[in-house]
Protein backbone atom coordinates (compact mmCIF):
# COMPACT_ATOMS: atom_id res chain seq x y z
CA UNK A 1 8.40 21.86 -7.59
CA UNK A 2 6.87 24.27 -4.86
CA UNK A 3 9.54 26.47 -3.66
CA UNK A 4 9.38 25.39 0.02
CA UNK A 5 7.37 22.53 1.18
CA UNK A 6 7.05 20.70 4.57
CA UNK A 7 8.18 17.15 4.87
CA UNK A 8 8.64 14.74 7.19
CA UNK A 9 11.11 12.50 8.57
CA UNK A 10 9.58 9.31 10.49
CA UNK A 11 11.22 6.97 12.66
CA UNK A 12 7.93 5.54 13.61
CA UNK A 13 8.24 5.62 17.06
CA UNK A 14 9.03 9.43 16.72
CA UNK A 15 9.69 11.98 14.34
CA UNK A 16 11.51 15.12 13.21
CA UNK A 17 9.57 17.35 10.77
CA UNK A 18 11.87 19.41 8.49
CA UNK A 19 11.46 22.26 5.70
CA UNK A 20 12.35 20.44 2.48
CA UNK A 21 11.59 21.57 -1.10
CA UNK A 22 9.30 19.86 -3.28
CA UNK A 23 7.82 16.93 -1.83
CA UNK A 24 4.04 17.35 -2.16
CA UNK A 25 3.48 17.42 1.90
CA UNK A 26 2.41 20.86 2.47
CA UNK A 27 -0.34 19.59 4.76
CA UNK A 28 2.02 19.16 7.59
CA UNK A 29 1.90 21.70 10.70
CA UNK A 30 5.16 23.49 10.95
CA UNK A 31 7.22 23.38 14.25
CA UNK A 32 6.55 19.98 15.51
CA UNK A 33 9.43 17.82 16.44
CA UNK A 34 10.20 14.80 18.64
CA UNK A 35 13.80 13.37 19.62
CA UNK A 36 14.57 10.00 19.38
CA UNK A 37 17.25 7.64 20.31
CA UNK A 38 18.83 5.32 17.85
CA UNK A 39 17.81 2.56 19.70
CA UNK A 40 14.27 3.32 19.23
CA UNK A 41 14.30 3.47 15.68
CA UNK A 42 16.22 0.06 15.05
CA UNK A 43 13.65 -1.45 17.53
CA UNK A 44 10.85 -0.26 15.39
CA UNK A 45 12.34 -1.43 12.24
CA UNK A 46 13.27 -4.62 14.03
CA UNK A 47 9.53 -4.72 14.66
CA UNK A 48 8.29 -4.03 11.55
CA UNK A 49 10.52 -6.62 9.55
CA UNK A 50 9.79 -9.54 11.41
CA UNK A 51 7.78 -11.91 9.51
CA UNK A 52 5.25 -14.78 10.58
CA UNK A 53 6.21 -18.26 9.79
CA UNK A 54 5.26 -18.28 6.00
CA UNK A 55 6.45 -22.32 5.43
CA UNK A 56 4.10 -23.34 2.92
CA UNK A 57 1.82 -26.72 2.73
CA UNK A 58 0.62 -28.09 -0.60
CA UNK A 59 -2.99 -27.62 -1.21
CA UNK A 60 -4.85 -30.81 -0.86
CA UNK A 61 -5.96 -32.04 -4.30
CA UNK A 62 -9.46 -32.70 -3.03
CA UNK A 63 -10.37 -29.41 -1.75
CA UNK A 64 -13.56 -28.52 -2.75
CA UNK A 65 -13.19 -25.49 -5.42
CA UNK A 66 -16.30 -23.29 -4.04
CA UNK A 67 -15.53 -19.56 -2.92
CA UNK A 68 -15.79 -19.67 1.12
CA UNK A 69 -13.59 -16.44 1.68
CA UNK A 70 -14.80 -13.82 4.12
CA UNK A 71 -13.50 -10.64 5.99
CA UNK A 72 -12.23 -12.47 9.11
CA UNK A 73 -9.66 -12.27 12.11
CA UNK A 74 -7.82 -15.41 10.86
CA UNK A 75 -6.78 -16.45 7.23
CA UNK A 76 -8.24 -20.01 6.71
CA UNK A 77 -5.65 -22.57 5.90
CA UNK A 78 -7.07 -23.32 2.27
CA UNK A 79 -5.99 -19.57 1.53
CA UNK A 80 -2.30 -20.09 2.51
CA UNK A 81 -1.96 -23.59 1.07
CA UNK A 82 0.65 -23.90 -2.19
CA UNK A 83 -1.68 -25.12 -5.18
CA UNK A 84 -0.20 -25.34 -8.31
CA UNK A 85 -3.31 -25.96 -10.77
CA UNK A 86 -3.75 -22.34 -11.10
CA UNK A 87 -0.93 -20.65 -9.76
CA UNK A 88 0.21 -16.96 -10.91
CA UNK A 89 3.70 -15.81 -11.54
CA UNK A 90 5.88 -12.89 -10.39
CA UNK A 91 8.24 -10.68 -12.48
CA UNK A 92 10.78 -8.35 -11.32
CA UNK A 93 10.95 -5.01 -13.12
CA UNK A 94 12.76 -1.96 -13.59
CA UNK A 95 11.48 1.35 -14.82
CA UNK A 96 12.70 5.01 -14.94
CA UNK A 97 12.06 7.38 -12.66
CA UNK A 98 13.55 10.40 -10.81
CA UNK A 99 14.84 11.88 -7.82
CA UNK A 100 12.08 13.68 -6.78
CA UNK A 101 13.64 14.05 -3.38
CA UNK A 102 16.80 15.41 -4.19
CA UNK A 103 17.93 17.09 -7.79
CA UNK A 104 14.96 15.62 -10.06
CA UNK A 105 17.67 13.66 -11.93
CA UNK A 106 16.82 10.55 -13.58
CA UNK A 107 17.05 7.18 -12.14
CA UNK A 108 15.96 3.52 -12.37
CA UNK A 109 13.80 1.98 -9.63
CA UNK A 110 12.48 -1.50 -9.12
CA UNK A 111 9.45 -3.48 -8.40
CA UNK A 112 7.73 -6.59 -8.35
CA UNK A 113 4.44 -7.60 -10.48
CA UNK A 114 2.41 -10.47 -9.79
CA UNK A 115 0.36 -11.61 -12.68
CA UNK A 116 -2.68 -14.25 -12.02
CA UNK A 117 -2.96 -17.54 -13.55
CA UNK A 118 -3.84 -17.34 -17.18
CA UNK A 119 -2.75 -13.57 -17.65
CA UNK A 120 -4.14 -12.72 -21.00
CA UNK A 121 -3.07 -9.52 -22.81
CA UNK A 122 -6.34 -9.63 -24.64
CA UNK A 123 -8.32 -8.82 -20.99
CA UNK A 124 -8.21 -5.93 -18.83
CA UNK A 125 -7.01 -6.33 -15.20
CA UNK A 126 -7.38 -4.11 -12.18
CA UNK A 127 -3.87 -3.11 -10.33
CA UNK A 128 -3.44 -2.98 -6.77
CA UNK A 129 -0.19 -1.05 -5.79
CA UNK A 130 0.95 -2.43 -2.42
CA UNK A 131 3.41 -0.58 -0.50
CA UNK A 132 5.96 -1.62 2.34
CA UNK A 133 7.16 -0.12 5.62
CA UNK A 134 9.99 1.68 6.94
CA UNK A 135 12.50 -0.54 7.09
CA UNK A 136 11.98 -2.62 3.74
CA UNK A 137 11.80 -2.08 -0.02
CA UNK A 138 9.72 -3.67 -2.83
CA UNK A 139 10.84 -7.23 -1.24
CA UNK A 140 9.44 -6.75 1.78
CA UNK A 141 5.84 -8.17 1.43
CA UNK A 142 7.97 -11.15 0.19
CA UNK A 143 6.47 -10.92 -3.36
CA UNK A 144 9.51 -12.68 -5.04
CA UNK A 145 9.21 -16.25 -5.97
CA UNK A 146 6.78 -19.75 -5.82
CA UNK A 147 6.34 -19.21 -1.84
CA UNK A 148 5.38 -15.56 -1.65
CA UNK A 149 2.31 -15.74 0.96
CA UNK A 150 0.81 -12.72 -1.06
CA UNK A 151 0.95 -14.74 -4.06
CA UNK A 152 -0.44 -17.85 -2.71
CA UNK A 153 -3.50 -15.76 -1.50
CA UNK A 154 -4.14 -14.13 -4.44
CA UNK A 155 -3.87 -17.37 -6.23
CA UNK A 156 -6.16 -19.27 -4.03
CA UNK A 157 -8.71 -16.68 -3.89
CA UNK A 158 -8.91 -16.68 -7.63
CA UNK A 159 -8.86 -20.31 -7.45
CA UNK A 160 -11.71 -20.51 -5.56
CA UNK A 161 -13.66 -18.10 -7.26
CA UNK A 162 -13.51 -15.31 -4.08
CA UNK A 163 -12.17 -12.78 -6.38
CA UNK A 164 -11.62 -11.62 -10.19
CA UNK A 165 -7.77 -11.89 -10.62
CA UNK A 166 -6.16 -8.69 -10.68
CA UNK A 167 -2.40 -7.60 -10.96
CA UNK A 168 -0.68 -6.74 -7.64
CA UNK A 169 2.46 -4.26 -7.75
CA UNK A 170 4.94 -3.86 -5.24
CA UNK A 171 7.44 -1.08 -5.23
CA UNK A 172 9.92 0.86 -3.37
CA UNK A 173 8.08 3.73 -1.75
CA UNK A 174 11.32 5.81 -1.62
CA UNK A 175 11.44 8.30 -4.48
CA UNK A 176 15.33 9.04 -4.26
CA UNK A 177 18.71 8.10 -5.57
CA UNK A 178 19.38 6.39 -2.61
CA UNK A 179 16.31 4.26 -1.90
CA UNK A 180 18.01 1.86 -0.19
CA UNK A 181 16.44 0.13 2.70
CA UNK A 182 19.31 0.84 4.97
CA UNK A 183 20.92 4.27 4.86
CA UNK A 184 18.26 6.29 2.68
CA UNK A 185 16.78 9.38 4.11
CA UNK A 186 12.91 8.59 5.26
CA UNK A 187 11.62 11.87 4.07
CA UNK A 188 11.94 10.32 0.63
CA UNK A 189 8.73 8.12 1.16
CA UNK A 190 6.60 11.79 1.37
CA UNK A 191 7.77 12.25 -2.32
CA UNK A 192 6.07 9.13 -3.59
CA UNK A 193 3.06 10.99 -5.20
CA UNK A 194 5.03 12.51 -7.77
CA UNK A 195 6.56 9.09 -8.79
CA UNK A 196 3.17 7.31 -8.76
CA UNK A 197 1.59 9.71 -11.09
CA UNK A 198 4.33 10.77 -13.42
CA UNK A 199 6.33 7.29 -13.95
CA UNK A 200 5.39 3.99 -11.94
CA UNK A 201 1.34 4.14 -13.06
CA UNK A 202 2.22 5.18 -16.70
CA UNK A 203 5.06 2.43 -16.91
CA UNK A 204 2.72 -0.26 -15.47
CA UNK A 205 -0.19 0.56 -17.95
CA UNK A 206 2.43 0.88 -20.81
CA UNK A 207 3.39 -2.77 -20.33
CA UNK A 208 0.38 -4.55 -18.68
CA UNK A 209 -3.16 -4.93 -19.94
CA UNK A 210 -5.25 -2.51 -17.48
CA UNK A 211 -8.12 -0.49 -17.99
CA UNK A 212 -6.37 2.63 -18.72
CA UNK A 213 -6.28 3.81 -22.25
CA UNK A 214 -2.51 4.58 -22.35
CA UNK A 215 -0.71 6.47 -24.66
CA UNK A 216 2.95 7.65 -24.72
CA UNK A 217 1.89 11.14 -25.56
CA UNK A 218 -0.33 11.56 -22.39
CA UNK A 219 -3.66 10.18 -21.35
CA UNK A 220 -6.25 10.51 -18.58
CA UNK A 221 -5.11 8.50 -15.72
CA UNK A 222 -8.23 9.81 -13.72
CA UNK A 223 -11.00 7.97 -16.25
CA UNK A 224 -9.41 4.30 -14.88
CA UNK A 225 -9.09 5.02 -11.14
CA UNK A 226 -11.90 2.78 -10.33
CA UNK A 227 -9.61 -0.03 -11.29
CA UNK A 228 -6.98 1.01 -9.19
CA UNK A 229 -6.00 0.37 -5.24
CA UNK A 230 -3.62 1.50 -3.00
CA UNK A 231 -2.52 -0.24 0.20
CA UNK A 232 0.22 -0.69 2.54
CA UNK A 233 1.57 -1.61 5.95
CA UNK A 234 3.05 1.03 8.48
CA UNK A 235 4.70 3.66 6.50
CA UNK A 236 3.08 2.58 3.02
CA UNK A 237 -0.27 2.47 5.16
CA UNK A 238 0.70 6.10 5.68
CA UNK A 239 1.51 7.10 2.14
CA UNK A 240 -1.87 5.50 1.61
CA UNK A 241 -3.63 8.12 3.85
CA UNK A 242 -1.44 11.20 3.26
CA UNK A 243 -0.57 10.23 -0.79
CA UNK A 244 -3.02 7.90 -2.05
CA UNK A 245 -5.97 10.01 -0.44
CA UNK A 246 -4.51 13.33 0.33
CA UNK A 247 -2.88 13.87 -3.07
CA UNK A 248 -3.95 11.15 -5.75
CA UNK A 249 -7.64 10.58 -4.78
CA UNK A 250 -8.07 11.04 -8.61
CA UNK A 251 -5.84 7.89 -9.40
CA UNK A 252 -7.57 5.49 -7.10
CA UNK A 253 -10.93 4.23 -5.94
CA UNK A 254 -9.79 1.68 -3.47
CA UNK A 255 -7.82 1.78 -0.43
CA UNK A 256 -6.24 -0.17 2.74
CA UNK A 257 -4.05 1.03 5.35
CA UNK A 258 -2.60 -1.83 7.39
CA UNK A 259 -1.26 -0.22 10.72
CA UNK A 260 -0.87 3.22 9.73
CA UNK A 261 2.62 4.65 10.81
CA UNK A 262 2.90 7.85 12.90
CA UNK A 263 2.48 11.07 10.55
CA UNK A 264 -0.23 9.75 8.83
CA UNK A 265 -3.12 12.56 8.33
CA UNK A 266 -5.46 12.52 11.29
CA UNK A 267 -9.13 12.10 10.39
CA UNK A 268 -9.76 15.94 10.07
CA UNK A 269 -7.06 16.61 7.90
CA UNK A 270 -8.28 13.88 5.75
CA UNK A 271 -11.79 15.20 5.89
CA UNK A 272 -10.53 18.87 5.12
CA UNK A 273 -8.38 17.26 2.27
CA UNK A 274 -11.57 15.79 0.59
CA UNK A 275 -13.77 18.63 1.18
CA UNK A 276 -14.05 19.59 -2.47
CA UNK A 277 -13.99 16.30 -3.51
CA UNK A 278 -16.35 14.63 -6.19
CA UNK A 279 -14.69 11.62 -6.82
CA UNK A 280 -16.11 8.33 -5.11
CA UNK A 281 -14.23 6.53 -2.78
CA UNK A 282 -15.37 3.13 -3.13
CA UNK A 283 -13.97 1.61 -0.06
CA UNK A 284 -11.00 2.30 3.00
CA UNK A 285 -10.25 -0.57 4.84
CA UNK A 286 -8.12 -0.29 8.12
CA UNK A 287 -6.57 -2.69 10.61
CA UNK A 288 -4.39 -2.44 13.40
CA UNK A 289 -3.21 -4.51 16.32
CA UNK A 290 -4.49 -3.56 19.54
CA UNK A 291 -0.86 -4.33 21.15
CA UNK A 292 0.51 -2.11 18.43
CA UNK A 293 2.74 0.19 20.52
CA UNK A 294 4.28 1.91 17.44
CA UNK A 295 0.99 2.57 15.01
CA UNK A 296 -1.99 2.01 16.94
CA UNK A 297 -2.36 5.72 18.38
CA UNK A 298 -1.45 7.05 14.80
CA UNK A 299 -3.60 4.54 12.74
CA UNK A 300 -6.64 5.27 15.03
CA UNK A 301 -6.09 8.96 14.98
CA UNK A 302 -6.12 9.02 11.24
CA UNK A 303 -8.84 6.49 10.35
CA UNK A 304 -10.85 5.05 13.58
CA UNK A 305 -13.51 7.77 13.51
CA UNK A 306 -13.17 8.94 10.20
CA UNK A 307 -17.02 8.21 8.96
CA UNK A 308 -17.70 10.53 12.04
CA UNK A 309 -15.85 13.77 10.56
CA UNK A 310 -15.93 13.21 6.90
CA UNK A 311 -19.18 12.54 4.74
CA UNK A 312 -17.64 10.74 2.15
CA UNK A 313 -17.06 7.66 4.41
CA UNK A 314 -19.88 5.53 5.56
CA UNK A 315 -19.10 2.47 8.11
CA UNK A 316 -20.43 -0.70 6.81
CA UNK A 317 -20.32 0.64 3.19
CA UNK A 318 -17.33 2.07 1.94
CA UNK A 319 -15.32 1.76 5.04
CA UNK A 320 -14.22 -0.53 7.79
CA UNK A 321 -11.96 -0.39 10.77
CA UNK A 322 -11.11 -3.62 12.00
CA UNK A 323 -8.88 -4.15 15.37
CA UNK A 324 -7.59 -7.37 17.04
CA UNK A 325 -5.14 -8.29 19.43
CA UNK A 326 -1.70 -8.10 17.54
CA UNK A 327 1.33 -6.30 17.30
CA UNK A 328 3.16 -4.27 14.53
CA UNK A 329 3.94 -7.15 12.00
CA UNK A 330 3.24 -9.19 9.47
CA UNK A 331 0.55 -11.49 11.14
CA UNK A 332 -1.87 -8.29 11.25
CA UNK A 333 -0.44 -7.12 7.67
CA UNK A 334 -1.06 -10.79 5.75
CA UNK A 335 -4.46 -10.68 7.39
CA UNK A 336 -4.73 -7.18 6.20
CA UNK A 337 -4.27 -7.97 2.66
CA UNK A 338 -6.23 -11.24 2.58
CA UNK A 339 -9.30 -9.06 3.92
CA UNK A 340 -8.53 -5.87 1.50
CA UNK A 341 -8.16 -8.30 -1.81
CA UNK A 342 -11.64 -9.56 -1.32
CA UNK A 343 -13.15 -5.78 -0.79
CA UNK A 344 -10.91 -4.23 -3.71
CA UNK A 345 -12.81 -3.71 -6.99
CA UNK A 346 -16.07 -5.18 -5.99
């Protein structure tokens, strides 16, 4: 643990930066703070957790089974219809972790795991770690049952042959004993890199069939980085940038940030952090709504011009910035997931 590390408190519309021990966020400039009213905080959370209409219609039996998905500004209806022929499953898991934001004591964390149709322990699967926002938890992406929009999109992309099926994990991004969606300290989001590396990824690779050569005695997580992706909405987009790229580039080869929240590392900081990186970044996809008063400025500063300042990104090759009319909500984020699911692991 570092003796003194700069951590960050984010309330989306505004932020207060404080010094806290051991959270792995030493790349923040000190002395920056902005006051905010409680009403502003609650409005930010309200916008983030308002979902689109996810009413589900059953997919037509005569839908031609051919791949037609593409990166787009809207999700075609064939990918949002419930199809029962080849549907994956969702499991709720718990795993041992530690209170990285606090005293390091042992705790239990929760996550949801999507397994594609026909999941076979004799095969190897890529894994996407999909992060939630400041007002949510492991359930914010709705990956809890048959009508899950994430599950339906994944089922259909695989069913129509647009993607090679992969596993999706939605964890709770707060690395603290109190990781509830209400009443927990937002700074615990910035400690999640330790939980990823020490607890969550090893647990998934010990219990599911991935490309990693897992061993309880220790193994090289970086050897299978090509088969892991990290993405997230809002605060989860910040985690993807600051933690996934900034701290754990040895663990992931694919990244997606959907409306990345304030305190996301600006492009110049990411370029600085990657200056000595020799590992390939296969793709970094970004999306944000142009009417997003919470995250457009921060997401733009973090990624829009990243290829101009960092030689490891080339627009159209391993980088994409997508913006379109929309706010800070799931209309943008489900579209972002649909697009990124086609990009990852290609």
